[in-house]
Amino acid sequence: MRIQSALTAVLILGGSLLAGCTTTEDANRALQSRWIGQPVERFFAAYGPPISEYPLSTGKIYTWRGGDKTRYIPPTYSSPEPARTIVRTQTRTDGAGKTVVTQTRVVTRDPFWEPEMISPPQYQQLFCELQINTDTAGVIATIRASNDTDGDGFSLSRCAEVLGVEK
């Protein structure tokens, strides 16, 4: 019963932490409400220039990228194997014909045990990439995250972190 209560508490806490995390969908909603109808120059003035643009007869498509960061993820190792209890029982008779039983308990660990690497260290690239479509006057018609990595903290969206989106 105690284990079930602890597991329930962990699930509730984990769920509430995830509920507070921003996602790519949250970032897209915030971007659209904040930037659609605004001049694209305002966006670039706030967050930097685009990395590419493609002209259309109805306007332009811009690709913008920001928030580039490299995150180091350390290796993970297996846990030490639990201690083992070895019970040795020795039975003998004494000089008077009585049986004497002696128990010896020994707690041991394998002296040659070494942790095994479960996952190696790695470097992860974090960034936010947006696709911005404008009309011929340079007004943003659509804006969306086209490539969004995990965030640096508890966020599930690097775009949400870079663009200041809060849940």
N, C-alpha and C. Protein backbone atom coordinates (compact mmCIF):
# COMPACT_ATOMS: atom_id res chain seq x y z
N MET A 1 0.82 -1.18 0.00
CA MET A 1 0.00 0.00 0.00
C MET A 1 0.87 1.26 0.00
N ARG A 2 1.95 1.21 0.78
CA ARG A 2 2.85 2.35 0.88
C ARG A 2 3.53 2.62 -0.47
N ILE A 3 3.92 1.58 -1.17
CA ILE A 3 4.57 1.72 -2.47
C ILE A 3 3.59 2.33 -3.47
N GLN A 4 2.34 1.87 -3.44
CA GLN A 4 1.33 2.39 -4.36
C GLN A 4 1.10 3.89 -4.11
N SER A 5 1.06 4.31 -2.86
CA SER A 5 0.89 5.73 -2.53
C SER A 5 2.06 6.55 -3.03
N ALA A 6 3.27 6.03 -2.84
CA ALA A 6 4.46 6.74 -3.31
C ALA A 6 4.46 6.84 -4.83
N LEU A 7 4.08 5.77 -5.51
CA LEU A 7 4.04 5.79 -6.97
C LEU A 7 3.00 6.78 -7.47
N THR A 8 1.86 6.84 -6.83
CA THR A 8 0.82 7.80 -7.20
C THR A 8 1.33 9.23 -7.03
N ALA A 9 2.03 9.50 -5.94
CA ALA A 9 2.57 10.84 -5.69
C ALA A 9 3.58 11.22 -6.76
N VAL A 10 4.43 10.28 -7.15
CA VAL A 10 5.43 10.55 -8.19
C VAL A 10 4.74 10.84 -9.52
N LEU A 11 3.71 10.09 -9.86
CA LEU A 11 3.00 10.31 -11.12
C LEU A 11 2.30 11.66 -11.13
N ILE A 12 1.70 12.05 -10.02
CA ILE A 12 1.03 13.34 -9.95
C ILE A 12 2.04 14.47 -10.07
N LEU A 13 3.17 14.37 -9.36
CA LEU A 13 4.21 15.39 -9.41
C LEU A 13 4.79 15.48 -10.81
N GLY A 14 5.08 14.34 -11.43
CA GLY A 14 5.62 14.33 -12.79
C GLY A 14 4.63 14.92 -13.78
N GLY A 15 3.35 14.60 -13.62
CA GLY A 15 2.32 15.14 -14.51
C GLY A 15 2.19 16.64 -14.37
N SER A 16 2.30 17.15 -13.14
CA SER A 16 2.18 18.59 -12.96
C SER A 16 3.40 19.31 -13.50
N LEU A 17 4.58 18.69 -13.43
CA LEU A 17 5.77 19.30 -14.03
C LEU A 17 5.62 19.37 -15.54
N LEU A 18 5.13 18.29 -16.14
CA LEU A 18 4.95 18.29 -17.59
C LEU A 18 3.85 19.24 -18.02
N ALA A 19 2.83 19.40 -17.20
CA ALA A 19 1.75 20.31 -17.53
C ALA A 19 2.25 21.75 -17.61
N GLY A 20 3.31 22.06 -16.86
CA GLY A 20 3.88 23.39 -16.87
C GLY A 20 4.87 23.60 -17.99
N CYS A 21 5.20 22.57 -18.74
CA CYS A 21 6.18 22.67 -19.82
C CYS A 21 5.53 23.26 -21.07
N THR A 22 6.30 24.06 -21.77
CA THR A 22 5.79 24.61 -23.03
C THR A 22 6.16 23.66 -24.16
N THR A 23 5.28 23.58 -25.14
CA THR A 23 5.48 22.69 -26.28
C THR A 23 5.57 23.51 -27.56
N THR A 24 5.86 22.84 -28.66
CA THR A 24 5.89 23.50 -29.96
C THR A 24 4.53 24.08 -30.30
N GLU A 25 3.46 23.38 -29.93
CA GLU A 25 2.11 23.89 -30.19
C GLU A 25 1.86 25.19 -29.43
N ASP A 26 2.32 25.24 -28.18
CA ASP A 26 2.20 26.49 -27.40
C ASP A 26 2.96 27.61 -28.09
N ALA A 27 4.16 27.31 -28.57
CA ALA A 27 4.98 28.32 -29.26
C ALA A 27 4.29 28.79 -30.53
N ASN A 28 3.73 27.85 -31.31
CA ASN A 28 3.04 28.23 -32.55
C ASN A 28 1.83 29.13 -32.27
N ARG A 29 1.04 28.78 -31.26
CA ARG A 29 -0.13 29.61 -30.92
C ARG A 29 0.30 31.02 -30.53
N ALA A 30 1.33 31.13 -29.70
CA ALA A 30 1.81 32.44 -29.27
C ALA A 30 2.39 33.24 -30.43
N LEU A 31 3.15 32.57 -31.31
CA LEU A 31 3.72 33.26 -32.48
C LEU A 31 2.62 33.81 -33.37
N GLN A 32 1.62 32.98 -33.64
CA GLN A 32 0.55 33.41 -34.55
C GLN A 32 -0.23 34.57 -33.95
N SER A 33 -0.54 34.52 -32.67
CA SER A 33 -1.32 35.61 -32.09
C SER A 33 -0.50 36.89 -31.98
N ARG A 34 0.80 36.76 -31.81
CA ARG A 34 1.65 37.94 -31.62
C ARG A 34 2.11 38.56 -32.94
N TRP A 35 2.35 37.73 -33.99
CA TRP A 35 3.04 38.24 -35.17
C TRP A 35 2.22 38.33 -36.46
N ILE A 36 1.16 37.54 -36.61
CA ILE A 36 0.38 37.62 -37.86
C ILE A 36 -0.21 39.03 -37.97
N GLY A 37 -0.01 39.64 -39.14
CA GLY A 37 -0.48 41.01 -39.38
C GLY A 37 0.57 42.07 -39.08
N GLN A 38 1.72 41.66 -38.53
CA GLN A 38 2.80 42.60 -38.22
C GLN A 38 3.81 42.64 -39.38
N PRO A 39 4.51 43.75 -39.57
CA PRO A 39 5.56 43.80 -40.59
C PRO A 39 6.69 42.83 -40.22
N VAL A 40 7.19 42.11 -41.20
CA VAL A 40 8.23 41.11 -40.96
C VAL A 40 9.50 41.78 -40.43
N GLU A 41 9.73 43.05 -40.79
CA GLU A 41 10.92 43.76 -40.31
C GLU A 41 10.93 43.87 -38.79
N ARG A 42 9.75 43.98 -38.18
CA ARG A 42 9.67 44.05 -36.71
C ARG A 42 10.16 42.76 -36.08
N PHE A 43 9.75 41.64 -36.67
CA PHE A 43 10.21 40.35 -36.15
C PHE A 43 11.73 40.26 -36.25
N PHE A 44 12.28 40.60 -37.43
CA PHE A 44 13.72 40.50 -37.63
C PHE A 44 14.48 41.49 -36.75
N ALA A 45 13.90 42.64 -36.48
CA ALA A 45 14.54 43.61 -35.58
C ALA A 45 14.59 43.06 -34.16
N ALA A 46 13.58 42.30 -33.77
CA ALA A 46 13.53 41.75 -32.41
C ALA A 46 14.40 40.51 -32.24
N TYR A 47 14.46 39.66 -33.27
CA TYR A 47 15.11 38.35 -33.11
C TYR A 47 16.28 38.09 -34.05
N GLY A 48 16.58 38.99 -34.95
CA GLY A 48 17.70 38.79 -35.86
C GLY A 48 17.23 38.46 -37.27
N PRO A 49 18.16 38.55 -38.23
CA PRO A 49 17.80 38.36 -39.64
C PRO A 49 17.50 36.90 -39.98
N PRO A 50 16.82 36.70 -41.12
CA PRO A 50 16.54 35.33 -41.56
C PRO A 50 17.80 34.69 -42.13
N ILE A 51 17.78 33.37 -42.21
CA ILE A 51 18.93 32.67 -42.82
C ILE A 51 18.69 32.48 -44.32
N SER A 52 17.43 32.57 -44.76
CA SER A 52 17.16 32.48 -46.20
C SER A 52 15.80 33.11 -46.50
N GLU A 53 15.62 33.44 -47.77
CA GLU A 53 14.31 33.93 -48.22
C GLU A 53 14.07 33.41 -49.63
N TYR A 54 12.81 33.18 -49.91
CA TYR A 54 12.42 32.65 -51.21
C TYR A 54 11.27 33.51 -51.74
N PRO A 55 11.48 34.18 -52.89
CA PRO A 55 10.42 35.05 -53.42
C PRO A 55 9.28 34.25 -54.06
N LEU A 56 8.08 34.73 -53.84
CA LEU A 56 6.88 34.17 -54.46
C LEU A 56 6.15 35.30 -55.17
N SER A 57 5.21 34.98 -56.04
CA SER A 57 4.42 36.04 -56.68
C SER A 57 3.50 36.71 -55.67
N THR A 58 3.19 36.01 -54.56
CA THR A 58 2.29 36.56 -53.55
C THR A 58 3.04 37.12 -52.34
N GLY A 59 4.35 37.11 -52.34
CA GLY A 59 5.14 37.61 -51.22
C GLY A 59 6.46 36.87 -51.12
N LYS A 60 6.86 36.51 -49.91
CA LYS A 60 8.12 35.79 -49.68
C LYS A 60 7.94 34.76 -48.57
N ILE A 61 8.80 33.74 -48.63
CA ILE A 61 8.90 32.77 -47.54
C ILE A 61 10.29 32.97 -46.94
N TYR A 62 10.33 33.25 -45.64
CA TYR A 62 11.60 33.41 -44.93
C TYR A 62 11.81 32.20 -44.03
N THR A 63 13.07 31.83 -43.88
CA THR A 63 13.45 30.84 -42.88
C THR A 63 14.31 31.57 -41.86
N TRP A 64 13.91 31.48 -40.62
CA TRP A 64 14.64 32.12 -39.53
C TRP A 64 15.09 31.05 -38.56
N ARG A 65 16.30 31.19 -38.03
CA ARG A 65 16.83 30.22 -37.06
C ARG A 65 17.50 30.97 -35.92
N GLY A 66 17.26 30.51 -34.70
CA GLY A 66 17.88 31.15 -33.54
C GLY A 66 17.94 30.22 -32.35
N GLY A 67 18.57 30.71 -31.30
CA GLY A 67 18.67 29.93 -30.07
C GLY A 67 19.61 28.76 -30.16
N ASP A 68 20.57 28.81 -31.07
CA ASP A 68 21.51 27.69 -31.23
C ASP A 68 22.32 27.50 -29.95
N LYS A 69 22.36 26.28 -29.48
CA LYS A 69 23.10 25.96 -28.27
C LYS A 69 23.45 24.48 -28.31
N THR A 70 24.60 24.15 -27.76
CA THR A 70 24.99 22.75 -27.64
C THR A 70 24.87 22.34 -26.18
N ARG A 71 24.17 21.24 -25.95
CA ARG A 71 23.98 20.74 -24.59
C ARG A 71 24.75 19.43 -24.44
N TYR A 72 25.49 19.31 -23.34
CA TYR A 72 26.23 18.09 -23.04
C TYR A 72 25.37 17.19 -22.16
N ILE A 73 25.23 15.95 -22.56
CA ILE A 73 24.49 14.97 -21.78
C ILE A 73 25.49 13.92 -21.30
N PRO A 74 25.73 13.84 -19.99
CA PRO A 74 26.74 12.91 -19.48
C PRO A 74 26.31 11.46 -19.68
N PRO A 75 27.27 10.55 -19.62
CA PRO A 75 26.92 9.13 -19.75
C PRO A 75 26.12 8.64 -18.55
N THR A 76 25.39 7.58 -18.75
CA THR A 76 24.69 6.94 -17.64
C THR A 76 25.26 5.54 -17.46
N TYR A 77 25.34 5.14 -16.21
CA TYR A 77 25.94 3.85 -15.87
C TYR A 77 24.94 3.01 -15.09
N SER A 78 25.15 1.70 -15.12
CA SER A 78 24.31 0.80 -14.34
C SER A 78 24.61 1.01 -12.85
N SER A 79 23.62 0.72 -12.04
CA SER A 79 23.79 0.84 -10.59
C SER A 79 24.57 -0.36 -10.07
N PRO A 80 25.23 -0.19 -8.93
CA PRO A 80 25.95 -1.36 -8.39
C PRO A 80 24.96 -2.46 -8.03
N GLU A 81 25.42 -3.68 -8.23
CA GLU A 81 24.53 -4.78 -7.89
C GLU A 81 24.35 -4.82 -6.38
N PRO A 82 23.17 -5.22 -5.94
CA PRO A 82 22.91 -5.20 -4.49
C PRO A 82 23.81 -6.20 -3.76
N ALA A 83 24.02 -5.89 -2.50
CA ALA A 83 24.82 -6.80 -1.66
C ALA A 83 24.06 -8.13 -1.52
N ARG A 84 24.82 -9.20 -1.45
CA ARG A 84 24.23 -10.52 -1.26
C ARG A 84 24.55 -11.01 0.13
N THR A 85 23.61 -11.68 0.73
CA THR A 85 23.84 -12.26 2.05
C THR A 85 24.03 -13.76 1.86
N ILE A 86 25.15 -14.22 2.31
CA ILE A 86 25.43 -15.65 2.22
C ILE A 86 25.36 -16.21 3.63
N VAL A 87 24.56 -17.24 3.82
CA VAL A 87 24.42 -17.86 5.13
C VAL A 87 25.09 -19.23 5.07
N ARG A 88 26.04 -19.40 5.93
CA ARG A 88 26.72 -20.70 6.01
C ARG A 88 26.32 -21.35 7.34
N THR A 89 25.85 -22.56 7.25
CA THR A 89 25.43 -23.29 8.45
C THR A 89 26.39 -24.45 8.65
N GLN A 90 26.85 -24.56 9.86
CA GLN A 90 27.80 -25.63 10.17
C GLN A 90 27.20 -26.46 11.31
N THR A 91 27.13 -27.74 11.10
CA THR A 91 26.58 -28.64 12.12
C THR A 91 27.70 -29.57 12.59
N ARG A 92 27.83 -29.71 13.93
CA ARG A 92 28.85 -30.62 14.48
C ARG A 92 28.34 -31.17 15.81
N THR A 93 28.98 -32.13 16.27
CA THR A 93 28.62 -32.68 17.58
C THR A 93 29.77 -32.41 18.54
N ASP A 94 29.39 -32.13 19.77
CA ASP A 94 30.44 -31.90 20.76
C ASP A 94 30.82 -33.24 21.41
N GLY A 95 31.70 -33.22 22.34
CA GLY A 95 32.18 -34.44 22.98
C GLY A 95 31.09 -35.20 23.74
N ALA A 96 30.02 -34.54 24.17
CA ALA A 96 28.96 -35.18 24.95
C ALA A 96 27.86 -35.74 24.06
N GLY A 97 28.02 -35.67 22.74
CA GLY A 97 27.03 -36.21 21.83
C GLY A 97 25.93 -35.23 21.46
N LYS A 98 26.05 -34.00 21.91
CA LYS A 98 25.06 -32.98 21.56
C LYS A 98 25.39 -32.40 20.19
N THR A 99 24.31 -32.06 19.45
CA THR A 99 24.49 -31.45 18.13
C THR A 99 24.56 -29.93 18.32
N VAL A 100 25.58 -29.34 17.74
CA VAL A 100 25.75 -27.89 17.82
C VAL A 100 25.63 -27.33 16.41
N VAL A 101 24.74 -26.33 16.23
CA VAL A 101 24.55 -25.71 14.91
C VAL A 101 25.08 -24.29 14.99
N THR A 102 25.94 -23.94 14.08
CA THR A 102 26.51 -22.59 14.01
C THR A 102 26.13 -21.98 12.68
N GLN A 103 25.58 -20.77 12.72
CA GLN A 103 25.24 -20.06 11.48
C GLN A 103 26.16 -18.87 11.34
N THR A 104 26.63 -18.65 10.13
CA THR A 104 27.48 -17.50 9.84
C THR A 104 26.84 -16.73 8.69
N ARG A 105 26.64 -15.45 8.87
CA ARG A 105 26.09 -14.61 7.80
C ARG A 105 27.21 -13.73 7.27
N VAL A 106 27.34 -13.72 5.97
CA VAL A 106 28.37 -12.91 5.34
C VAL A 106 27.70 -12.03 4.28
N VAL A 107 27.89 -10.74 4.35
CA VAL A 107 27.36 -9.82 3.36
C VAL A 107 28.50 -9.50 2.40
N THR A 108 28.27 -9.77 1.13
CA THR A 108 29.37 -9.59 0.16
C THR A 108 28.92 -8.81 -1.06
N ARG A 109 29.87 -8.27 -1.71
CA ARG A 109 29.71 -7.68 -3.03
C ARG A 109 30.76 -8.33 -3.91
N ASP A 110 30.45 -8.42 -5.17
CA ASP A 110 31.42 -8.97 -6.10
C ASP A 110 32.59 -7.99 -6.20
N PRO A 111 33.79 -8.39 -5.81
CA PRO A 111 34.92 -7.45 -5.82
C PRO A 111 35.33 -7.02 -7.24
N PHE A 112 34.90 -7.76 -8.24
CA PHE A 112 35.29 -7.44 -9.62
C PHE A 112 34.19 -6.72 -10.38
N TRP A 113 33.08 -6.38 -9.67
CA TRP A 113 31.98 -5.71 -10.35
C TRP A 113 32.37 -4.29 -10.69
N GLU A 114 32.08 -3.90 -11.92
CA GLU A 114 32.28 -2.52 -12.36
C GLU A 114 31.02 -2.07 -13.08
N PRO A 115 30.65 -0.81 -12.92
CA PRO A 115 29.43 -0.35 -13.60
C PRO A 115 29.60 -0.43 -15.12
N GLU A 116 28.50 -0.70 -15.79
CA GLU A 116 28.50 -0.73 -17.26
C GLU A 116 27.87 0.55 -17.78
N MET A 117 28.42 1.06 -18.87
CA MET A 117 27.86 2.26 -19.48
C MET A 117 26.57 1.88 -20.21
N ILE A 118 25.47 2.55 -19.84
CA ILE A 118 24.19 2.29 -20.48
C ILE A 118 24.05 3.16 -21.72
N SER A 119 24.40 4.45 -21.59
CA SER A 119 24.41 5.32 -22.76
C SER A 119 25.66 6.19 -22.70
N PRO A 120 26.33 6.37 -23.83
CA PRO A 120 27.56 7.15 -23.85
C PRO A 120 27.27 8.65 -23.73
N PRO A 121 28.30 9.43 -23.42
CA PRO A 121 28.08 10.88 -23.39
C PRO A 121 27.73 11.38 -24.78
N GLN A 122 26.96 12.44 -24.85
CA GLN A 122 26.59 12.96 -26.16
C GLN A 122 26.40 14.47 -26.11
N TYR A 123 26.52 15.06 -27.27
CA TYR A 123 26.27 16.49 -27.42
C TYR A 123 25.01 16.62 -28.26
N GLN A 124 24.09 17.47 -27.80
CA GLN A 124 22.82 17.64 -28.48
C GLN A 124 22.70 19.10 -28.93
N GLN A 125 22.38 19.28 -30.21
CA GLN A 125 22.20 20.63 -30.75
C GLN A 125 20.76 21.09 -30.49
N LEU A 126 20.62 22.25 -29.88
CA LEU A 126 19.31 22.83 -29.61
C LEU A 126 19.14 24.07 -30.48
N PHE A 127 17.97 24.23 -31.09
CA PHE A 127 17.71 25.40 -31.92
C PHE A 127 16.22 25.52 -32.21
N CYS A 128 15.86 26.67 -32.76
CA CYS A 128 14.49 26.95 -33.18
C CYS A 128 14.55 27.43 -34.62
N GLU A 129 13.73 26.84 -35.48
CA GLU A 129 13.67 27.27 -36.87
C GLU A 129 12.22 27.58 -37.22
N LEU A 130 12.00 28.77 -37.79
CA LEU A 130 10.66 29.20 -38.15
C LEU A 130 10.53 29.40 -39.65
N GLN A 131 9.32 29.18 -40.15
CA GLN A 131 8.98 29.53 -41.53
C GLN A 131 7.99 30.68 -41.44
N ILE A 132 8.34 31.78 -42.10
CA ILE A 132 7.52 32.99 -42.06
C ILE A 132 7.10 33.34 -43.48
N ASN A 133 5.80 33.38 -43.73
CA ASN A 133 5.28 33.75 -45.05
C ASN A 133 4.73 35.17 -44.96
N THR A 134 5.10 35.99 -45.94
CA THR A 134 4.61 37.37 -45.97
C THR A 134 3.88 37.64 -47.28
N ASP A 135 3.06 38.69 -47.26
CA ASP A 135 2.42 39.12 -48.50
C ASP A 135 3.39 40.07 -49.23
N THR A 136 2.93 40.64 -50.33
CA THR A 136 3.81 41.51 -51.13
C THR A 136 4.21 42.77 -50.38
N ALA A 137 3.43 43.18 -49.39
CA ALA A 137 3.75 44.39 -48.61
C ALA A 137 4.71 44.08 -47.44
N GLY A 138 5.09 42.81 -47.26
CA GLY A 138 6.01 42.45 -46.19
C GLY A 138 5.32 42.23 -44.84
N VAL A 139 4.02 42.00 -44.87
CA VAL A 139 3.25 41.74 -43.65
C VAL A 139 3.16 40.23 -43.45
N ILE A 140 3.37 39.79 -42.22
CA ILE A 140 3.37 38.35 -41.91
C ILE A 140 1.96 37.78 -42.07
N ALA A 141 1.85 36.78 -42.97
CA ALA A 141 0.57 36.10 -43.20
C ALA A 141 0.49 34.82 -42.38
N THR A 142 1.60 34.06 -42.32
CA THR A 142 1.67 32.85 -41.49
C THR A 142 3.06 32.77 -40.88
N ILE A 143 3.13 32.18 -39.71
CA ILE A 143 4.40 31.96 -39.03
C ILE A 143 4.25 30.69 -38.21
N ARG A 144 5.24 29.81 -38.31
CA ARG A 144 5.16 28.55 -37.56
C ARG A 144 6.56 27.98 -37.34
N ALA A 145 6.68 27.19 -36.29
CA ALA A 145 7.94 26.49 -36.02
C ALA A 145 8.04 25.32 -36.99
N SER A 146 9.04 25.35 -37.85
CA SER A 146 9.22 24.26 -38.82
C SER A 146 10.20 23.21 -38.32
N ASN A 147 11.06 23.60 -37.37
CA ASN A 147 12.02 22.66 -36.79
C ASN A 147 12.31 23.14 -35.37
N ASP A 148 11.88 22.38 -34.39
CA ASP A 148 11.97 22.80 -33.00
C ASP A 148 12.51 21.64 -32.17
N THR A 149 13.63 21.87 -31.47
CA THR A 149 14.20 20.82 -30.63
C THR A 149 13.66 20.96 -29.21
N ASP A 150 14.02 20.05 -28.35
CA ASP A 150 13.69 20.18 -26.94
C ASP A 150 14.33 21.45 -26.41
N GLY A 151 13.78 21.96 -25.33
CA GLY A 151 14.35 23.15 -24.71
C GLY A 151 15.55 22.79 -23.85
N ASP A 152 16.19 23.82 -23.32
CA ASP A 152 17.37 23.62 -22.49
C ASP A 152 17.00 23.25 -21.07
N GLY A 153 15.84 23.67 -20.59
CA GLY A 153 15.41 23.35 -19.23
C GLY A 153 14.34 22.28 -19.27
N PHE A 154 13.21 22.57 -18.61
CA PHE A 154 12.09 21.63 -18.59
C PHE A 154 11.16 21.80 -19.79
N SER A 155 11.45 22.77 -20.63
CA SER A 155 10.59 23.04 -21.78
C SER A 155 10.76 21.95 -22.83
N LEU A 156 9.68 21.66 -23.52
CA LEU A 156 9.73 20.70 -24.62
C LEU A 156 9.91 21.42 -25.95
N SER A 157 10.14 22.74 -25.91
CA SER A 157 10.25 23.54 -27.13
C SER A 157 11.36 24.58 -26.99
N ARG A 158 12.37 24.49 -27.84
CA ARG A 158 13.42 25.51 -27.85
C ARG A 158 12.84 26.82 -28.37
N CYS A 159 11.90 26.76 -29.32
CA CYS A 159 11.26 27.98 -29.83
C CYS A 159 10.55 28.73 -28.71
N ALA A 160 9.86 28.00 -27.84
CA ALA A 160 9.16 28.65 -26.73
C ALA A 160 10.16 29.36 -25.82
N GLU A 161 11.31 28.76 -25.59
CA GLU A 161 12.33 29.40 -24.74
C GLU A 161 12.91 30.65 -25.42
N VAL A 162 13.29 30.52 -26.67
CA VAL A 162 13.95 31.61 -27.39
C VAL A 162 13.01 32.80 -27.59
N LEU A 163 11.74 32.52 -27.88
CA LEU A 163 10.78 33.57 -28.19
C LEU A 163 9.99 34.03 -26.96
N GLY A 164 10.34 33.53 -25.78
CA GLY A 164 9.73 33.98 -24.54
C GLY A 164 8.28 33.58 -24.36
N VAL A 165 7.92 32.39 -24.83
CA VAL A 165 6.54 31.89 -24.69
C VAL A 165 6.42 31.20 -23.35
N GLU A 166 5.40 31.59 -22.58
CA GLU A 166 5.14 30.93 -21.30
C GLU A 166 3.76 30.32 -21.32
N LYS A 167 3.63 29.23 -20.62
CA LYS A 167 2.34 28.52 -20.59
C LYS A 167 1.41 29.14 -19.60
